[in-house]
N, C-alpha and C. Protein backbone atom coordinates (compact mmCIF):
# COMPACT_ATOMS: atom_id res chain seq x y z
N UNK A 1 9.76 1.82 -18.17
CA UNK A 1 9.58 0.69 -17.15
C UNK A 1 8.12 0.30 -16.82
N UNK A 2 8.10 -0.82 -16.43
CA UNK A 2 6.78 -1.41 -16.12
C UNK A 2 6.61 -1.80 -14.85
N UNK A 3 5.22 -1.53 -14.39
CA UNK A 3 5.00 -1.82 -12.94
C UNK A 3 3.80 -2.64 -12.95
N UNK A 4 3.62 -3.26 -11.76
CA UNK A 4 2.38 -4.17 -11.52
C UNK A 4 1.19 -3.54 -10.91
N UNK A 5 1.46 -2.42 -10.13
CA UNK A 5 0.42 -1.67 -9.46
C UNK A 5 0.69 -0.18 -9.41
N UNK A 6 -0.08 0.62 -8.90
CA UNK A 6 0.01 1.91 -8.70
C UNK A 6 -0.28 2.44 -7.40
N UNK A 7 0.73 3.02 -6.62
CA UNK A 7 0.58 3.48 -5.33
C UNK A 7 -0.60 4.40 -5.05
N UNK A 8 -1.41 4.07 -4.10
CA UNK A 8 -2.61 4.76 -3.84
C UNK A 8 -2.35 6.14 -3.25
N UNK A 9 -1.14 6.33 -2.60
CA UNK A 9 -0.83 7.64 -2.14
C UNK A 9 -0.03 8.62 -3.01
N UNK A 10 0.87 7.97 -3.65
CA UNK A 10 1.80 8.79 -4.69
C UNK A 10 1.34 8.81 -6.08
N UNK A 11 0.54 7.92 -6.68
CA UNK A 11 0.13 7.76 -7.83
C UNK A 11 1.29 7.23 -8.90
N UNK A 12 2.44 6.72 -8.06
CA UNK A 12 3.62 6.29 -9.04
C UNK A 12 3.39 4.67 -9.11
N UNK A 13 4.03 4.15 -10.05
CA UNK A 13 4.20 2.73 -10.25
C UNK A 13 5.02 2.01 -9.21
N UNK A 14 4.66 0.90 -8.77
CA UNK A 14 5.40 0.03 -7.97
C UNK A 14 5.28 -1.49 -8.34
N UNK A 15 6.39 -2.06 -7.73
CA UNK A 15 6.50 -3.51 -8.20
C UNK A 15 6.60 -4.44 -6.73
N UNK A 16 6.66 -3.52 -5.59
CA UNK A 16 6.75 -4.20 -4.35
C UNK A 16 6.05 -3.18 -3.55
N UNK A 17 5.33 -3.82 -2.45
CA UNK A 17 4.61 -2.77 -1.46
C UNK A 17 3.77 -3.40 -0.56
N UNK A 18 2.94 -2.61 0.02
CA UNK A 18 1.85 -3.02 0.94
C UNK A 18 0.52 -3.06 0.14
N UNK A 19 -0.32 -4.18 0.53
CA UNK A 19 -1.52 -4.22 -0.02
C UNK A 19 -2.62 -4.40 1.18
N UNK A 20 -3.76 -3.39 1.23
CA UNK A 20 -4.67 -3.43 2.26
C UNK A 20 -5.86 -4.25 1.92
N UNK A 21 -6.67 -4.64 2.89
CA UNK A 21 -7.88 -5.41 2.69
C UNK A 21 -8.67 -4.82 1.71
N UNK A 22 -8.76 -3.56 1.61
CA UNK A 22 -9.64 -2.82 0.53
C UNK A 22 -8.91 -2.61 -0.73
N UNK A 23 -7.80 -3.16 -0.97
CA UNK A 23 -6.97 -3.49 -2.22
C UNK A 23 -6.54 -1.89 -2.54
N UNK A 24 -6.04 -1.26 -1.62
CA UNK A 24 -5.01 -0.06 -1.94
C UNK A 24 -3.69 -0.47 -1.70
N UNK A 25 -2.91 0.13 -2.39
CA UNK A 25 -1.47 -0.14 -2.75
C UNK A 25 -0.66 0.83 -2.03
N UNK A 26 0.41 0.67 -1.31
CA UNK A 26 1.22 1.69 -0.83
C UNK A 26 2.72 1.30 -0.94
N UNK A 27 3.63 2.17 -1.41
CA UNK A 27 5.00 2.00 -1.40
C UNK A 27 5.70 2.13 -0.07
N UNK A 28 5.10 3.23 0.65
CA UNK A 28 5.93 3.64 1.70
C UNK A 28 4.87 3.13 3.08
N UNK A 29 5.68 2.95 4.22
CA UNK A 29 4.95 2.49 5.30
C UNK A 29 4.29 3.60 5.87
N UNK A 30 4.68 5.02 5.76
CA UNK A 30 4.04 6.03 6.29
C UNK A 30 2.59 6.38 5.84
N UNK A 31 2.54 6.01 4.48
CA UNK A 31 1.45 6.25 3.92
C UNK A 31 0.44 4.89 4.24
N UNK A 32 0.77 3.76 4.27
CA UNK A 32 0.13 2.77 4.63
C UNK A 32 -0.47 2.96 6.06
N UNK A 33 0.30 3.66 6.90
CA UNK A 33 -0.12 3.91 8.33
C UNK A 33 -1.29 4.71 8.34
N UNK A 34 -0.94 5.87 7.50
CA UNK A 34 -2.08 6.96 7.60
C UNK A 34 -3.39 6.33 6.84
N UNK A 35 -3.31 5.55 5.91
CA UNK A 35 -4.56 4.90 5.37
C UNK A 35 -5.27 4.08 6.48
N UNK A 36 -4.27 3.18 7.12
CA UNK A 36 -5.02 2.27 8.10
C UNK A 36 -5.57 3.05 9.30
N UNK A 37 -4.89 4.03 9.68
CA UNK A 37 -5.47 4.98 10.86
C UNK A 37 -6.94 5.45 10.44
N UNK A 38 -7.11 5.85 9.29
CA UNK A 38 -8.46 6.32 8.70
C UNK A 38 -9.35 5.23 8.65
N UNK A 39 -8.91 4.15 8.15
CA UNK A 39 -9.77 2.84 8.00
C UNK A 39 -10.17 2.52 9.32
N UNK A 40 -9.65 2.43 10.44
CA UNK A 40 -10.04 1.87 11.62
C UNK A 40 -9.53 2.97 12.84
N UNK A 41 -10.45 3.84 12.94
CA UNK A 41 -10.12 4.88 13.78
C UNK A 41 -10.17 4.27 15.26
N UNK A 42 -11.07 3.36 15.74
CA UNK A 42 -11.01 2.94 16.99
C UNK A 42 -9.68 2.17 17.40
N UNK A 43 -9.34 1.39 16.42
CA UNK A 43 -8.00 0.52 16.71
C UNK A 43 -6.90 1.49 16.87
N UNK A 44 -6.91 2.67 15.98
CA UNK A 44 -6.05 3.55 15.90
C UNK A 44 -5.93 4.49 17.33
N UNK A 45 -7.04 4.71 17.86
CA UNK A 45 -6.81 5.26 19.26
C UNK A 45 -6.31 4.39 20.26
N UNK A 46 -6.60 3.01 20.18
CA UNK A 46 -6.02 1.95 21.08
C UNK A 46 -4.53 1.81 20.91
N UNK A 47 -3.90 2.19 19.85
CA UNK A 47 -2.55 2.11 19.59
C UNK A 47 -1.79 3.40 18.98
N UNK A 48 -1.52 4.33 19.86
CA UNK A 48 -1.02 5.45 19.35
C UNK A 48 0.38 5.38 18.77
N UNK A 49 1.24 4.28 19.13
CA UNK A 49 2.49 3.92 18.71
C UNK A 49 2.40 3.29 17.30
N UNK A 50 2.95 3.89 16.20
CA UNK A 50 2.73 3.34 14.96
C UNK A 50 3.24 1.92 14.80
N UNK A 51 4.31 1.40 15.22
CA UNK A 51 4.78 0.12 15.23
C UNK A 51 3.60 -0.85 15.73
N UNK A 52 3.26 -0.45 16.97
CA UNK A 52 2.37 -1.41 17.74
C UNK A 52 1.16 -1.28 16.73
N UNK A 53 0.65 -0.31 16.38
CA UNK A 53 -0.61 -0.17 15.53
C UNK A 53 -0.40 -1.09 14.14
N UNK A 54 0.71 -0.98 13.50
CA UNK A 54 0.86 -1.76 12.44
C UNK A 54 0.97 -3.20 12.79
N UNK A 55 1.60 -3.62 13.72
CA UNK A 55 1.60 -5.02 14.33
C UNK A 55 0.26 -5.42 14.45
N UNK A 56 -0.70 -4.80 15.18
CA UNK A 56 -2.10 -5.32 15.48
C UNK A 56 -2.85 -5.33 14.05
N UNK A 57 -2.61 -4.34 13.17
CA UNK A 57 -3.26 -4.47 11.79
C UNK A 57 -2.75 -5.69 10.98
N UNK A 58 -1.44 -6.10 11.07
CA UNK A 58 -1.03 -7.22 10.50
C UNK A 58 -1.75 -8.38 11.04
N UNK A 59 -1.62 -8.50 12.31
CA UNK A 59 -2.32 -9.61 12.83
C UNK A 59 -3.81 -9.94 12.63
N UNK A 60 -4.39 -8.72 12.39
CA UNK A 60 -5.88 -8.76 12.08
C UNK A 60 -5.93 -8.84 10.50
N UNK A 61 -5.06 -9.04 9.76
CA UNK A 61 -4.78 -9.33 8.32
C UNK A 61 -5.38 -7.95 7.53
N UNK A 62 -5.29 -6.78 8.05
CA UNK A 62 -5.71 -5.54 7.29
C UNK A 62 -4.74 -5.22 6.10
N UNK A 63 -3.46 -5.90 6.26
CA UNK A 63 -2.64 -5.61 5.23
C UNK A 63 -1.40 -6.64 5.13
N UNK A 64 -0.77 -6.74 4.02
CA UNK A 64 0.46 -7.45 3.84
C UNK A 64 1.36 -6.90 3.17
N UNK A 65 2.64 -7.49 2.90
CA UNK A 65 3.62 -6.93 1.96
C UNK A 65 3.83 -7.98 0.88
N UNK A 66 4.07 -7.44 -0.26
CA UNK A 66 4.40 -8.41 -1.38
C UNK A 66 5.26 -7.74 -2.43
N UNK A 67 5.91 -8.57 -3.40
CA UNK A 67 6.69 -8.25 -4.36
C UNK A 67 5.97 -8.90 -5.65
N UNK A 68 5.68 -8.11 -6.88
CA UNK A 68 4.95 -8.61 -7.89
C UNK A 68 6.17 -8.70 -8.84
N UNK A 69 6.15 -10.09 -9.41
CA UNK A 69 7.08 -10.23 -10.62
C UNK A 69 6.35 -10.76 -11.85
N UNK A 70 6.51 -10.03 -12.96
CA UNK A 70 5.84 -10.34 -14.06
C UNK A 70 4.34 -10.10 -14.31
N UNK A 71 3.87 -9.46 -13.27
CA UNK A 71 2.43 -9.28 -13.18
C UNK A 71 2.27 -7.66 -13.65
N UNK A 72 2.88 -7.30 -14.64
CA UNK A 72 2.66 -5.84 -15.13
C UNK A 72 1.48 -5.45 -15.57
N UNK A 73 0.88 -4.44 -15.23
CA UNK A 73 -0.43 -3.84 -15.73
C UNK A 73 -0.04 -2.49 -16.29
N UNK A 74 0.78 -1.67 -15.80
CA UNK A 74 1.19 -0.31 -16.22
C UNK A 74 2.66 -0.21 -16.70
N UNK A 75 2.65 0.76 -17.65
CA UNK A 75 4.04 1.14 -18.23
C UNK A 75 4.20 2.70 -18.11
N UNK A 76 5.32 3.03 -17.84
CA UNK A 76 5.55 4.64 -17.74
C UNK A 76 5.97 4.88 -19.22
N UNK A 77 5.61 5.76 -19.93
CA UNK A 77 5.82 6.24 -21.32
C UNK A 77 5.82 7.68 -21.08
N UNK A 78 6.88 8.43 -21.56
CA UNK A 78 7.07 9.62 -21.45
C UNK A 78 6.64 10.34 -20.12
N UNK A 79 6.97 9.74 -19.08
CA UNK A 79 6.57 10.12 -17.82
C UNK A 79 5.17 10.10 -17.24
N UNK A 80 4.43 9.31 -18.09
CA UNK A 80 2.96 9.02 -17.57
C UNK A 80 2.84 7.62 -17.68
N UNK A 81 1.94 7.19 -16.65
CA UNK A 81 1.66 5.64 -16.42
C UNK A 81 0.47 5.32 -17.55
N UNK A 82 0.76 4.33 -18.29
CA UNK A 82 -0.25 3.81 -19.29
C UNK A 82 -0.68 2.59 -18.94
N UNK A 83 -1.92 2.06 -18.85
CA UNK A 83 -2.33 0.80 -18.53
C UNK A 83 -2.20 -0.05 -19.96
N UNK A 84 -1.48 -1.25 -19.61
CA UNK A 84 -1.07 -2.21 -20.67
C UNK A 84 -2.48 -3.06 -20.96
């Protein structure tokens, strides 16, 4: 299977997910949330609720969600990701 990006949290290939302004990639919202809370601790303290925090981060353009099609940079071969 081919993948466009590698999840920054899991190290697995992804073809859809969240992209942060520091160009980290996440498959799961929980990993995105943890990363963003580390990225902006002050904002994190002001929004203890995860959904409110993520909404504020989205409004501030700290991340977006996307799907990649045909932009494959990685292929899984024998269980390992190899750059194309």
